[in-house]
C-alpha atoms as a PDB file:
ATOM      1  CA  UNK A   1      -9.494  13.008 -18.739  1.00  0.00           C
ATOM      2  CA  UNK A   2     -11.117  14.175 -15.519  1.00  0.00           C
ATOM      3  CA  UNK A   3      -9.509  12.274 -12.642  1.00  0.00           C
ATOM      4  CA  UNK A   4     -10.337  12.595  -8.963  1.00  0.00           C
ATOM      5  CA  UNK A   5      -7.976  11.313  -6.285  1.00  0.00           C
ATOM      6  CA  UNK A   6      -9.504  10.432  -2.932  1.00  0.00           C
ATOM      7  CA  UNK A   7      -6.799  10.998  -0.358  1.00  0.00           C
ATOM      8  CA  UNK A   8      -4.489  13.975   0.158  1.00  0.00           C
ATOM      9  CA  UNK A   9      -1.490  12.082   1.509  1.00  0.00           C
ATOM     10  CA  UNK A  10       1.897  11.716  -0.115  1.00  0.00           C
ATOM     11  CA  UNK A  11       1.012   8.999  -2.615  1.00  0.00           C
ATOM     12  CA  UNK A  12      -2.280  10.538  -3.693  1.00  0.00           C
ATOM     13  CA  UNK A  13      -0.557  13.886  -4.217  1.00  0.00           C
ATOM     14  CA  UNK A  14       2.278  12.268  -6.168  1.00  0.00           C
ATOM     15  CA  UNK A  15      -0.181  10.550  -8.484  1.00  0.00           C
ATOM     16  CA  UNK A  16      -1.924  13.896  -9.001  1.00  0.00           C
ATOM     17  CA  UNK A  17       1.398  15.353 -10.149  1.00  0.00           C
ATOM     18  CA  UNK A  18       1.849  12.459 -12.598  1.00  0.00           C
ATOM     19  CA  UNK A  19      -1.653  12.915 -14.003  1.00  0.00           C
ATOM     20  CA  UNK A  20      -1.252  16.673 -14.322  1.00  0.00           C
ATOM     21  CA  UNK A  21       1.993  16.128 -16.256  1.00  0.00           C
ATOM     22  CA  UNK A  22      -0.021  14.004 -18.686  1.00  0.00           C
ATOM     23  CA  UNK A  23      -2.472  16.828 -19.312  1.00  0.00           C
ATOM     24  CA  UNK A  24      -5.337  15.415 -17.274  1.00  0.00           C
ATOM     25  CA  UNK A  25      -7.660  17.579 -15.212  1.00  0.00           C
ATOM     26  CA  UNK A  26      -6.906  16.461 -11.686  1.00  0.00           C
ATOM     27  CA  UNK A  27      -8.697  16.998  -8.383  1.00  0.00           C
ATOM     28  CA  UNK A  28      -7.583  15.881  -4.933  1.00  0.00           C
ATOM     29  CA  UNK A  29     -10.166  15.232  -2.238  1.00  0.00           C
ATOM     30  CA  UNK A  30      -9.128  15.367   1.413  1.00  0.00           C
ATOM     31  CA  UNK A  31     -11.290  14.815   4.465  1.00  0.00           C
ATOM     32  CA  UNK A  32      -9.761  17.781   6.315  1.00  0.00           C
ATOM     33  CA  UNK A  33     -10.581  21.127   4.700  1.00  0.00           C
ATOM     34  CA  UNK A  34      -7.892  22.870   6.782  1.00  0.00           C
ATOM     35  CA  UNK A  35      -5.241  20.556   5.304  1.00  0.00           C
ATOM     36  CA  UNK A  36      -6.344  21.470   1.782  1.00  0.00           C
ATOM     37  CA  UNK A  37      -6.324  25.152   2.717  1.00  0.00           C
ATOM     38  CA  UNK A  38      -2.729  24.809   3.908  1.00  0.00           C
ATOM     39  CA  UNK A  39      -1.715  23.245   0.590  1.00  0.00           C
ATOM     40  CA  UNK A  40      -3.344  26.131  -1.287  1.00  0.00           C
ATOM     41  CA  UNK A  41      -1.659  28.707   0.923  1.00  0.00           C
ATOM     42  CA  UNK A  42       1.856  27.227   0.923  1.00  0.00           C
ATOM     43  CA  UNK A  43       1.949  25.288  -2.345  1.00  0.00           C
ATOM     44  CA  UNK A  44       3.323  22.332  -0.361  1.00  0.00           C
ATOM     45  CA  UNK A  45       1.867  19.173   1.192  1.00  0.00           C
ATOM     46  CA  UNK A  46       3.789  18.962   4.448  1.00  0.00           C
ATOM     47  CA  UNK A  47       4.705  16.624   6.051  1.00  0.00           C
ATOM     48  CA  UNK A  48       3.570  14.043   3.510  1.00  0.00           C
ATOM     49  CA  UNK A  49       5.617  15.252   0.527  1.00  0.00           C
ATOM     50  CA  UNK A  50       8.252  17.649   1.873  1.00  0.00           C
ATOM     51  CA  UNK A  51       9.820  20.110  -0.538  1.00  0.00           C
ATOM     52  CA  UNK A  52       7.702  19.185  -3.575  1.00  0.00           C
ATOM     53  CA  UNK A  53       5.766  22.130  -5.099  1.00  0.00           C
ATOM     54  CA  UNK A  54       2.064  21.474  -5.699  1.00  0.00           C
ATOM     55  CA  UNK A  55       0.885  23.437  -8.767  1.00  0.00           C
ATOM     56  CA  UNK A  56      -2.154  25.629  -8.263  1.00  0.00           C
ATOM     57  CA  UNK A  57      -3.985  24.060 -11.223  1.00  0.00           C
ATOM     58  CA  UNK A  58      -4.398  20.794  -9.273  1.00  0.00           C
ATOM     59  CA  UNK A  59      -7.840  21.333  -7.742  1.00  0.00           C
ATOM     60  CA  UNK A  60      -8.389  20.713  -4.028  1.00  0.00           C
ATOM     61  CA  UNK A  61     -11.904  19.946  -2.850  1.00  0.00           C
ATOM     62  CA  UNK A  62     -13.331  18.687   0.460  1.00  0.00           C
ATOM     63  CA  UNK A  63     -16.780  17.886  -1.046  1.00  0.00           C
ATOM     64  CA  UNK A  64     -16.523  14.134  -1.631  1.00  0.00           C
ATOM     65  CA  UNK A  65     -19.751  13.663  -3.564  1.00  0.00           C
ATOM     66  CA  UNK A  66     -19.021  16.405  -6.094  1.00  0.00           C
ATOM     67  CA  UNK A  67     -15.434  15.204  -6.571  1.00  0.00           C
ATOM     68  CA  UNK A  68     -16.641  11.675  -7.389  1.00  0.00           C
ATOM     69  CA  UNK A  69     -19.592  12.656  -9.586  1.00  0.00           C
ATOM     70  CA  UNK A  70     -17.421  14.900 -11.770  1.00  0.00           C
ATOM     71  CA  UNK A  71     -14.760  12.242 -12.457  1.00  0.00           C
ATOM     72  CA  UNK A  72     -14.248   9.857 -15.355  1.00  0.00           C
ATOM     73  CA  UNK A  73     -11.647   8.035 -13.248  1.00  0.00           C
ATOM     74  CA  UNK A  74     -11.529   7.838  -9.447  1.00  0.00           C
ATOM     75  CA  UNK A  75      -8.278   6.923  -7.677  1.00  0.00           C
ATOM     76  CA  UNK A  76      -8.711   5.640  -4.119  1.00  0.00           C
ATOM     77  CA  UNK A  77      -5.687   6.585  -2.006  1.00  0.00           C
ATOM     78  CA  UNK A  78      -7.119   6.629   1.514  1.00  0.00           C
ATOM     79  CA  UNK A  79      -5.870   4.352   4.333  1.00  0.00           C
ATOM     80  CA  UNK A  80      -7.360   0.852   4.273  1.00  0.00           C
ATOM     81  CA  UNK A  81      -9.362   1.461   7.448  1.00  0.00           C
ATOM     82  CA  UNK A  82     -11.156   4.389   5.756  1.00  0.00           C
ATOM     83  CA  UNK A  83     -12.229   2.643   2.540  1.00  0.00           C
ATOM     84  CA  UNK A  84     -15.745   1.797   3.680  1.00  0.00           C
ATOM     85  CA  UNK A  85     -16.336   5.383   4.754  1.00  0.00           C
ATOM     86  CA  UNK A  86     -16.434   6.237   1.028  1.00  0.00           C
ATOM     87  CA  UNK A  87     -19.432   3.958   0.468  1.00  0.00           C
ATOM     88  CA  UNK A  88     -22.269   6.419  -0.006  1.00  0.00           C
ATOM     89  CA  UNK A  89     -20.306   8.535  -2.473  1.00  0.00           C
ATOM     90  CA  UNK A  90     -19.301   5.565  -4.654  1.00  0.00           C
ATOM     91  CA  UNK A  91     -22.403   3.388  -4.805  1.00  0.00           C
ATOM     92  CA  UNK A  92     -23.796   4.953  -8.017  1.00  0.00           C
ATOM     93  CA  UNK A  93     -20.447   5.519  -9.721  1.00  0.00           C
ATOM     94  CA  UNK A  94     -20.104   3.840 -13.146  1.00  0.00           C
ATOM     95  CA  UNK A  95     -16.627   4.889 -14.246  1.00  0.00           C
ATOM     96  CA  UNK A  96     -13.321   3.198 -13.428  1.00  0.00           C
ATOM     97  CA  UNK A  97     -11.985   3.126  -9.873  1.00  0.00           C
ATOM     98  CA  UNK A  98      -8.250   2.581  -9.352  1.00  0.00           C
ATOM     99  CA  UNK A  99      -7.221   1.498  -5.873  1.00  0.00           C
ATOM    100  CA  UNK A 100      -3.694   2.357  -4.732  1.00  0.00           C
ATOM    101  CA  UNK A 101      -4.433   1.398  -1.117  1.00  0.00           C
ATOM    102  CA  UNK A 102      -2.589  -1.672   0.163  1.00  0.00           C
ATOM    103  CA  UNK A 103      -4.496  -3.735   2.658  1.00  0.00           C
ATOM    104  CA  UNK A 104      -6.648  -6.728   3.575  1.00  0.00           C
ATOM    105  CA  UNK A 105      -9.896  -6.161   5.441  1.00  0.00           C
ATOM    106  CA  UNK A 106      -9.760  -7.960   8.779  1.00  0.00           C
ATOM    107  CA  UNK A 107     -13.371  -9.102   9.146  1.00  0.00           C
ATOM    108  CA  UNK A 108     -13.815 -10.329   5.576  1.00  0.00           C
ATOM    109  CA  UNK A 109     -10.345 -11.110   4.213  1.00  0.00           C
ATOM    110  CA  UNK A 110     -11.163  -8.985   1.162  1.00  0.00           C
ATOM    111  CA  UNK A 111      -8.559  -7.019  -0.764  1.00  0.00           C
ATOM    112  CA  UNK A 112      -9.178  -3.324  -1.312  1.00  0.00           C
ATOM    113  CA  UNK A 113     -10.668  -3.630  -4.810  1.00  0.00           C
ATOM    114  CA  UNK A 114     -12.937  -6.377  -3.507  1.00  0.00           C
ATOM    115  CA  UNK A 115     -14.155  -3.979  -0.818  1.00  0.00           C
ATOM    116  CA  UNK A 116     -14.580  -1.238  -3.424  1.00  0.00           C
ATOM    117  CA  UNK A 117     -16.616  -3.632  -5.575  1.00  0.00           C
ATOM    118  CA  UNK A 118     -19.079  -4.031  -2.698  1.00  0.00           C
ATOM    119  CA  UNK A 119     -19.303  -0.245  -2.391  1.00  0.00           C
ATOM    120  CA  UNK A 120     -19.434   0.520  -6.134  1.00  0.00           C
ATOM    121  CA  UNK A 121     -20.909  -2.530  -7.895  1.00  0.00           C
ATOM    122  CA  UNK A 122     -21.274  -0.733 -11.255  1.00  0.00           C
ATOM    123  CA  UNK A 123     -17.670   0.527 -11.515  1.00  0.00           C
ATOM    124  CA  UNK A 124     -14.763  -0.950 -13.414  1.00  0.00           C
ATOM    125  CA  UNK A 125     -11.898  -1.866 -11.073  1.00  0.00           C
ATOM    126  CA  UNK A 126      -8.134  -1.754 -11.151  1.00  0.00           C
ATOM    127  CA  UNK A 127      -5.248  -1.756  -8.690  1.00  0.00           C
ATOM    128  CA  UNK A 128      -1.969   0.126  -9.079  1.00  0.00           C
ATOM    129  CA  UNK A 129       0.859  -1.306  -6.985  1.00  0.00           C
ATOM    130  CA  UNK A 130       4.634  -1.689  -6.923  1.00  0.00           C
ATOM    131  CA  UNK A 131       7.916  -0.477  -5.428  1.00  0.00           C
ATOM    132  CA  UNK A 132       7.123   3.234  -5.637  1.00  0.00           C
ATOM    133  CA  UNK A 133       8.016   5.423  -2.677  1.00  0.00           C
ATOM    134  CA  UNK A 134       6.073   8.641  -3.108  1.00  0.00           C
ATOM    135  CA  UNK A 135       8.914  11.102  -2.515  1.00  0.00           C
ATOM    136  CA  UNK A 136      11.225   9.394  -5.020  1.00  0.00           C
ATOM    137  CA  UNK A 137       8.503   9.323  -7.690  1.00  0.00           C
ATOM    138  CA  UNK A 138       7.681  12.986  -7.012  1.00  0.00           C
ATOM    139  CA  UNK A 139      11.375  13.792  -7.546  1.00  0.00           C
ATOM    140  CA  UNK A 140      11.127  12.121 -10.991  1.00  0.00           C
ATOM    141  CA  UNK A 141      13.431   9.231 -10.067  1.00  0.00           C
ATOM    142  CA  UNK A 142      12.866   6.284 -12.466  1.00  0.00           C
ATOM    143  CA  UNK A 143      10.289   3.871 -11.035  1.00  0.00           C
ATOM    144  CA  UNK A 144       8.054   1.038 -12.257  1.00  0.00           C
ATOM    145  CA  UNK A 145       4.629  -0.178 -11.166  1.00  0.00           C
ATOM    146  CA  UNK A 146       1.868  -2.617 -12.169  1.00  0.00           C
ATOM    147  CA  UNK A 147      -1.673  -1.755 -13.261  1.00  0.00           C
ATOM    148  CA  UNK A 148      -3.839  -4.805 -12.575  1.00  0.00           C
ATOM    149  CA  UNK A 149      -7.425  -5.581 -13.496  1.00  0.00           C
ATOM    150  CA  UNK A 150      -9.421  -8.703 -14.232  1.00  0.00           C
ATOM    151  CA  UNK A 151     -10.306  -6.926 -17.491  1.00  0.00           C
ATOM    152  CA  UNK A 152      -7.185  -6.392 -19.572  1.00  0.00           C
ATOM    153  CA  UNK A 153      -8.729  -3.383 -21.348  1.00  0.00           C
ATOM    154  CA  UNK A 154      -9.049  -1.578 -18.014  1.00  0.00           C
ATOM    155  CA  UNK A 155      -5.487  -2.482 -17.040  1.00  0.00           C
ATOM    156  CA  UNK A 156      -4.219  -1.108 -20.361  1.00  0.00           C
ATOM    157  CA  UNK A 157      -6.249   2.077 -19.976  1.00  0.00           C
ATOM    158  CA  UNK A 158      -4.757   2.670 -16.502  1.00  0.00           C
ATOM    159  CA  UNK A 159      -1.318   1.910 -17.937  1.00  0.00           C
ATOM    160  CA  UNK A 160      -1.729   4.616 -20.574  1.00  0.00           C
ATOM    161  CA  UNK A 161      -3.190   7.043 -18.031  1.00  0.00           C
ATOM    162  CA  UNK A 162      -0.203   6.935 -15.675  1.00  0.00           C
ATOM    163  CA  UNK A 163       2.797   5.975 -17.814  1.00  0.00           C
ATOM    164  CA  UNK A 164       5.505   8.662 -18.038  1.00  0.00           C
ATOM    165  CA  UNK A 165       9.189   8.808 -18.975  1.00  0.00           C
ATOM    166  CA  UNK A 166      10.169   8.364 -15.309  1.00  0.00           C
ATOM    167  CA  UNK A 167       7.211   6.175 -14.295  1.00  0.00           C
ATOM    168  CA  UNK A 168       6.906   2.945 -16.272  1.00  0.00           C
ATOM    169  CA  UNK A 169       3.628   1.049 -15.934  1.00  0.00           C
ATOM    170  CA  UNK A 170       3.204  -2.670 -16.663  1.00  0.00           C
ATOM    171  CA  UNK A 171      -0.097  -4.583 -16.805  1.00  0.00           C
ATOM    172  CA  UNK A 172      -1.422  -7.721 -15.139  1.00  0.00           C
ATOM    173  CA  UNK A 173      -4.745  -9.531 -14.994  1.00  0.00           C
ATOM    174  CA  UNK A 174      -3.858 -11.110 -11.627  1.00  0.00           C
ATOM    175  CA  UNK A 175      -5.412  -8.340  -9.564  1.00  0.00           C
ATOM    176  CA  UNK A 176      -5.672 -10.515  -6.447  1.00  0.00           C
ATOM    177  CA  UNK A 177      -1.981 -11.427  -6.566  1.00  0.00           C
ATOM    178  CA  UNK A 178      -0.930  -7.819  -7.143  1.00  0.00           C
ATOM    179  CA  UNK A 179      -3.011  -6.624  -4.196  1.00  0.00           C
ATOM    180  CA  UNK A 180      -1.958  -9.404  -1.837  1.00  0.00           C
ATOM    181  CA  UNK A 181       1.708  -8.787  -2.609  1.00  0.00           C
ATOM    182  CA  UNK A 182       1.288  -5.106  -1.782  1.00  0.00           C
ATOM    183  CA  UNK A 183      -0.507  -5.801   1.491  1.00  0.00           C
ATOM    184  CA  UNK A 184       1.575  -8.685   2.813  1.00  0.00           C
ATOM    185  CA  UNK A 185       4.957  -7.078   2.173  1.00  0.00           C
ATOM    186  CA  UNK A 186       4.117  -4.330   4.679  1.00  0.00           C
ATOM    187  CA  UNK A 187       3.882  -6.924   7.443  1.00  0.00           C
ATOM    188  CA  UNK A 188       7.275  -8.344   6.524  1.00  0.00           C
ATOM    189  CA  UNK A 189       8.792  -4.853   6.349  1.00  0.00           C
ATOM    190  CA  UNK A 190       7.908  -4.300  10.002  1.00  0.00           C
ATOM    191  CA  UNK A 191       9.891  -7.446  10.801  1.00  0.00           C
ATOM    192  CA  UNK A 192      12.805  -6.160   8.719  1.00  0.00           C
ATOM    193  CA  UNK A 193      12.688  -2.876  10.597  1.00  0.00           C
ATOM    194  CA  UNK A 194      12.746  -4.668  13.943  1.00  0.00           C
ATOM    195  CA  UNK A 195      16.021  -6.259  12.846  1.00  0.00           C
ATOM    196  CA  UNK A 196      17.376  -2.820  11.942  1.00  0.00           C
ATOM    197  CA  UNK A 197      16.400  -1.494  15.346  1.00  0.00           C
ATOM    198  CA  UNK A 198      18.204  -4.365  17.032  1.00  0.00           C
ATOM    199  CA  UNK A 199      21.329  -3.681  14.975  1.00  0.00           C
ATOM    200  CA  UNK A 200      21.185  -6.804  12.815  1.00  0.00           C
ATOM    201  CA  UNK A 201      23.072  -6.876   9.523  1.00  0.00           C
ATOM    202  CA  UNK A 202      22.560  -7.760   5.887  1.00  0.00           C
ATOM    203  CA  UNK A 203      22.642 -11.535   6.438  1.00  0.00           C
ATOM    204  CA  UNK A 204      19.636 -11.286   8.727  1.00  0.00           C
ATOM    205  CA  UNK A 205      17.582  -9.183   6.340  1.00  0.00           C
ATOM    206  CA  UNK A 206      18.462 -11.312   3.310  1.00  0.00           C
ATOM    207  CA  UNK A 207      17.369 -14.465   5.140  1.00  0.00           C
ATOM    208  CA  UNK A 208      14.153 -12.822   6.323  1.00  0.00           C
ATOM    209  CA  UNK A 209      13.116 -11.547   2.894  1.00  0.00           C
ATOM    210  CA  UNK A 210      14.003 -14.771   1.099  1.00  0.00           C
ATOM    211  CA  UNK A 211      11.900 -16.874   3.442  1.00  0.00           C
ATOM    212  CA  UNK A 212       9.143 -14.261   3.593  1.00  0.00           C
ATOM    213  CA  UNK A 213       8.575 -14.150  -0.162  1.00  0.00           C
ATOM    214  CA  UNK A 214       8.102 -17.928  -0.038  1.00  0.00           C
ATOM    215  CA  UNK A 215       5.289 -17.648   2.477  1.00  0.00           C
ATOM    216  CA  UNK A 216       3.765 -14.634   0.721  1.00  0.00           C
ATOM    217  CA  UNK A 217       3.637 -16.697  -2.478  1.00  0.00           C
ATOM    218  CA  UNK A 218       2.268 -19.726  -0.625  1.00  0.00           C
ATOM    219  CA  UNK A 219      -0.500 -17.696   0.973  1.00  0.00           C
ATOM    220  CA  UNK A 220      -1.265 -15.829  -2.239  1.00  0.00           C
ATOM    221  CA  UNK A 221      -1.649 -19.024  -4.259  1.00  0.00           C
ATOM    222  CA  UNK A 222      -3.944 -20.452  -1.569  1.00  0.00           C
ATOM    223  CA  UNK A 223      -6.090 -17.324  -2.047  1.00  0.00           C
ATOM    224  CA  UNK A 224      -6.320 -17.867  -5.803  1.00  0.00           C
ATOM    225  CA  UNK A 225      -3.418 -15.708  -7.036  1.00  0.00           C
ATOM    226  CA  UNK A 226      -0.822 -16.707  -9.629  1.00  0.00           C
ATOM    227  CA  UNK A 227       2.547 -17.785  -8.202  1.00  0.00           C
ATOM    228  CA  UNK A 228       4.619 -15.810 -10.732  1.00  0.00           C
ATOM    229  CA  UNK A 229       3.018 -12.513  -9.695  1.00  0.00           C
ATOM    230  CA  UNK A 230       4.980 -12.586  -6.434  1.00  0.00           C
ATOM    231  CA  UNK A 231       8.298 -12.625  -8.308  1.00  0.00           C
ATOM    232  CA  UNK A 232       7.406  -9.339  -9.998  1.00  0.00           C
ATOM    233  CA  UNK A 233       7.206  -5.663  -9.132  1.00  0.00           C
ATOM    234  CA  UNK A 234       4.154  -5.938  -6.878  1.00  0.00           C
ATOM    235  CA  UNK A 235       5.672  -8.854  -4.962  1.00  0.00           C
ATOM    236  CA  UNK A 236       9.436  -9.137  -4.615  1.00  0.00           C
ATOM    237  CA  UNK A 237      10.007  -5.601  -5.920  1.00  0.00           C
ATOM    238  CA  UNK A 238       7.684  -3.946  -3.419  1.00  0.00           C
ATOM    239  CA  UNK A 239       8.914  -6.173  -0.587  1.00  0.00           C
ATOM    240  CA  UNK A 240      12.518  -5.185  -1.269  1.00  0.00           C
ATOM    241  CA  UNK A 241      12.032  -1.432  -1.297  1.00  0.00           C
ATOM    242  CA  UNK A 242       9.723  -1.446   1.717  1.00  0.00           C
ATOM    243  CA  UNK A 243      12.083  -3.570   3.786  1.00  0.00           C
ATOM    244  CA  UNK A 244      15.224  -1.565   2.972  1.00  0.00           C
ATOM    245  CA  UNK A 245      14.254   2.072   2.422  1.00  0.00           C
ATOM    246  CA  UNK A 246      14.643   4.763   5.049  1.00  0.00           C
ATOM    247  CA  UNK A 247      11.496   6.311   3.507  1.00  0.00           C
ATOM    248  CA  UNK A 248       9.401   3.242   4.329  1.00  0.00           C
ATOM    249  CA  UNK A 249       6.879   3.857   7.110  1.00  0.00           C
ATOM    250  CA  UNK A 250       6.553   0.138   7.791  1.00  0.00           C
ATOM    251  CA  UNK A 251      10.276  -0.483   8.080  1.00  0.00           C
ATOM    252  CA  UNK A 252      10.569   2.628  10.254  1.00  0.00           C
ATOM    253  CA  UNK A 253       7.726   1.412  12.479  1.00  0.00           C
ATOM    254  CA  UNK A 254       9.586  -1.845  13.029  1.00  0.00           C
ATOM    255  CA  UNK A 255      12.910  -0.114  13.628  1.00  0.00           C
ATOM    256  CA  UNK A 256      11.415   1.942  16.432  1.00  0.00           C
ATOM    257  CA  UNK A 257       9.954  -1.224  17.962  1.00  0.00           C
ATOM    258  CA  UNK A 258      13.370  -2.872  17.766  1.00  0.00           C
ATOM    259  CA  UNK A 259      14.879   0.085  19.600  1.00  0.00           C
ATOM    260  CA  UNK A 260      12.427  -0.394  22.440  1.00  0.00           C
ATOM    261  CA  UNK A 261       9.643   2.126  21.762  1.00  0.00           C
ATOM    262  CA  UNK A 262       6.081   1.105  22.540  1.00  0.00           C
ATOM    263  CA  UNK A 263       3.510   0.590  19.824  1.00  0.00           C
ATOM    264  CA  UNK A 264       1.311   3.250  21.418  1.00  0.00           C
ATOM    265  CA  UNK A 265       3.995   5.928  21.276  1.00  0.00           C
ATOM    266  CA  UNK A 266       4.884   5.104  17.669  1.00  0.00           C
ATOM    267  CA  UNK A 267       1.250   5.291  16.533  1.00  0.00           C
ATOM    268  CA  UNK A 268       0.655   8.527  18.443  1.00  0.00           C
ATOM    269  CA  UNK A 269       3.678  10.256  16.900  1.00  0.00           C
ATOM    270  CA  UNK A 270       3.072   9.495  13.203  1.00  0.00           C
ATOM    271  CA  UNK A 271       0.582  11.309  10.921  1.00  0.00           C
ATOM    272  CA  UNK A 272      -0.227   8.109   9.009  1.00  0.00           C
ATOM    273  CA  UNK A 273      -0.226   4.661  10.616  1.00  0.00           C
ATOM    274  CA  UNK A 274       1.978   2.131   8.819  1.00  0.00           C
ATOM    275  CA  UNK A 275      -0.424  -0.201   7.001  1.00  0.00           C
ATOM    276  CA  UNK A 276       1.545  -3.257   8.113  1.00  0.00           C
ATOM    277  CA  UNK A 277       0.394  -2.708  11.694  1.00  0.00           C
ATOM    278  CA  UNK A 278      -3.352  -3.316  11.173  1.00  0.00           C
ATOM    279  CA  UNK A 279      -2.717  -5.642   8.248  1.00  0.00           C
ATOM    280  CA  UNK A 280      -0.598  -8.040  10.295  1.00  0.00           C
ATOM    281  CA  UNK A 281      -3.868  -9.052  11.986  1.00  0.00           C
ATOM    282  CA  UNK A 282      -5.553  -9.529   8.624  1.00  0.00           C
ATOM    283  CA  UNK A 283      -2.614 -11.461   7.149  1.00  0.00           C
ATOM    284  CA  UNK A 284      -2.328 -13.753  10.166  1.00  0.00           C
ATOM    285  CA  UNK A 285      -6.068 -14.463  10.118  1.00  0.00           C
ATOM    286  CA  UNK A 286      -5.985 -15.084   6.347  1.00  0.00           C
ATOM    287  CA  UNK A 287      -3.187 -17.636   6.789  1.00  0.00           C
ATOM    288  CA  UNK A 288      -5.112 -19.421   9.561  1.00  0.00           C
ATOM    289  CA  UNK A 289      -8.292 -19.395   7.480  1.00  0.00           C
ATOM    290  CA  UNK A 290      -6.535 -21.063   4.548  1.00  0.00           C
ATOM    291  CA  UNK A 291      -4.391 -23.396   6.661  1.00  0.00           C
ATOM    292  CA  UNK A 292      -1.180 -21.891   5.273  1.00  0.00           C
ATOM    293  CA  UNK A 293       2.075 -21.976   7.230  1.00  0.00           C
ATOM    294  CA  UNK A 294       3.313 -18.383   7.509  1.00  0.00           C
ATOM    295  CA  UNK A 295       5.896 -18.233  10.322  1.00  0.00           C
ATOM    296  CA  UNK A 296       7.250 -14.746   9.606  1.00  0.00           C
ATOM    297  CA  UNK A 297       3.766 -13.235   9.487  1.00  0.00           C
ATOM    298  CA  UNK A 298       2.895 -15.129  12.667  1.00  0.00           C
ATOM    299  CA  UNK A 299       6.032 -13.832  14.405  1.00  0.00           C
ATOM    300  CA  UNK A 300       5.272 -10.207  13.517  1.00  0.00           C
ATOM    301  CA  UNK A 301       1.673 -10.678  14.649  1.00  0.00           C
ATOM    302  CA  UNK A 302       2.849 -12.134  17.971  1.00  0.00           C
ATOM    303  CA  UNK A 303       5.028  -9.087  18.645  1.00  0.00           C
ATOM    304  CA  UNK A 304       2.347  -6.580  17.630  1.00  0.00           C
ATOM    305  CA  UNK A 305      -0.758  -8.194  19.125  1.00  0.00           C
ATOM    306  CA  UNK A 306       0.193 -11.003  21.500  1.00  0.00           C
ATOM    307  CA  UNK A 307       2.650  -9.185  23.747  1.00  0.00           C
ATOM    308  CA  UNK A 308       5.681 -11.199  22.698  1.00  0.00           C
ATOM    309  CA  UNK A 309       9.025  -9.409  23.000  1.00  0.00           C
ATOM    310  CA  UNK A 310      10.983  -8.777  19.815  1.00  0.00           C
ATOM    311  CA  UNK A 311      13.973 -10.918  20.855  1.00  0.00           C
ATOM    312  CA  UNK A 312      11.695 -13.733  21.972  1.00  0.00           C
ATOM    313  CA  UNK A 313       9.879 -13.581  18.639  1.00  0.00           C
ATOM    314  CA  UNK A 314      13.135 -13.810  16.697  1.00  0.00           C
ATOM    315  CA  UNK A 315      14.406 -16.681  18.837  1.00  0.00           C
ATOM    316  CA  UNK A 316      11.190 -18.650  18.312  1.00  0.00           C
ATOM    317  CA  UNK A 317      11.392 -18.031  14.563  1.00  0.00           C
ATOM    318  CA  UNK A 318      15.000 -19.221  14.399  1.00  0.00           C
ATOM    319  CA  UNK A 319      14.434 -22.272  16.613  1.00  0.00           C
ATOM    320  CA  UNK A 320      11.543 -23.764  14.663  1.00  0.00           C
ATOM    321  CA  UNK A 321      11.793 -27.410  13.632  1.00  0.00           C
ATOM    322  CA  UNK A 322      14.505 -27.928  11.028  1.00  0.00           C
ATOM    323  CA  UNK A 323      13.398 -28.619   7.457  1.00  0.00           C
ATOM    324  CA  UNK A 324      14.534 -28.656   3.843  1.00  0.00           C
ATOM    325  CA  UNK A 325      14.436 -25.393   1.895  1.00  0.00           C
END
């Protein structure tokens, strides 16, 4: 099949490698032509995917409209804040669009496929999400992920498209739950990283993640998702890897905060902003909108956007009114 990937970061490039291995004609679109030129010249996508060769038969193209119009499948792998910038190129598209972007739009509370549906009302939609760090997948380490769509035939098609010996793909029809799990876990991972930066141990992180998955599930169900989705790969699985891995941008963002760095300096020094930073605003607002108690999300939001110190935020979280589990 002809597949175009919108986004030349680490995950988009990794998915291009997977598709190429399956014999599909793959094109990567990037918004910076000079970045694509560097990939052509060096055969590498630094710093997003260090040390991984990019074969020359993966096409690189900075012309968004031509990349979309030529594709049977479009994979959206741009940051959440850039999704709407794709609007003009997608509005007439009638193929299948697979979103691998994890986020919740602040103003609307929409997930990424819901935003894409507004941009491309004639396209079939799917989300691909799970505990899949790009560098590990690119190194062919065994990984598993979920292809979700409200239409099971689309989910199964995406499953067949991406499944490989090292990359196992499951299906789900709970696309909202799969997307919310992927977006909300990034917020929690920042909190986990703050604990790492402060030198906390395994007890602290285990307590945080156990309570966090409860509120993720509670919020997800209030938004119409299925409770069991959050016990799977796109929920608990993705939360675990993002909160523990040294490769996780969100955990690393939080760790630097815990060590005393300012948000401004962290953002300025990273090529890609950790999605949990903007999405903590969206998650907090979503919880308020639905009247859902989400103390961990609220604590991370208070540190990132309300000027609360990290130790004060942790103390307030620990000293909440006592209750049954």
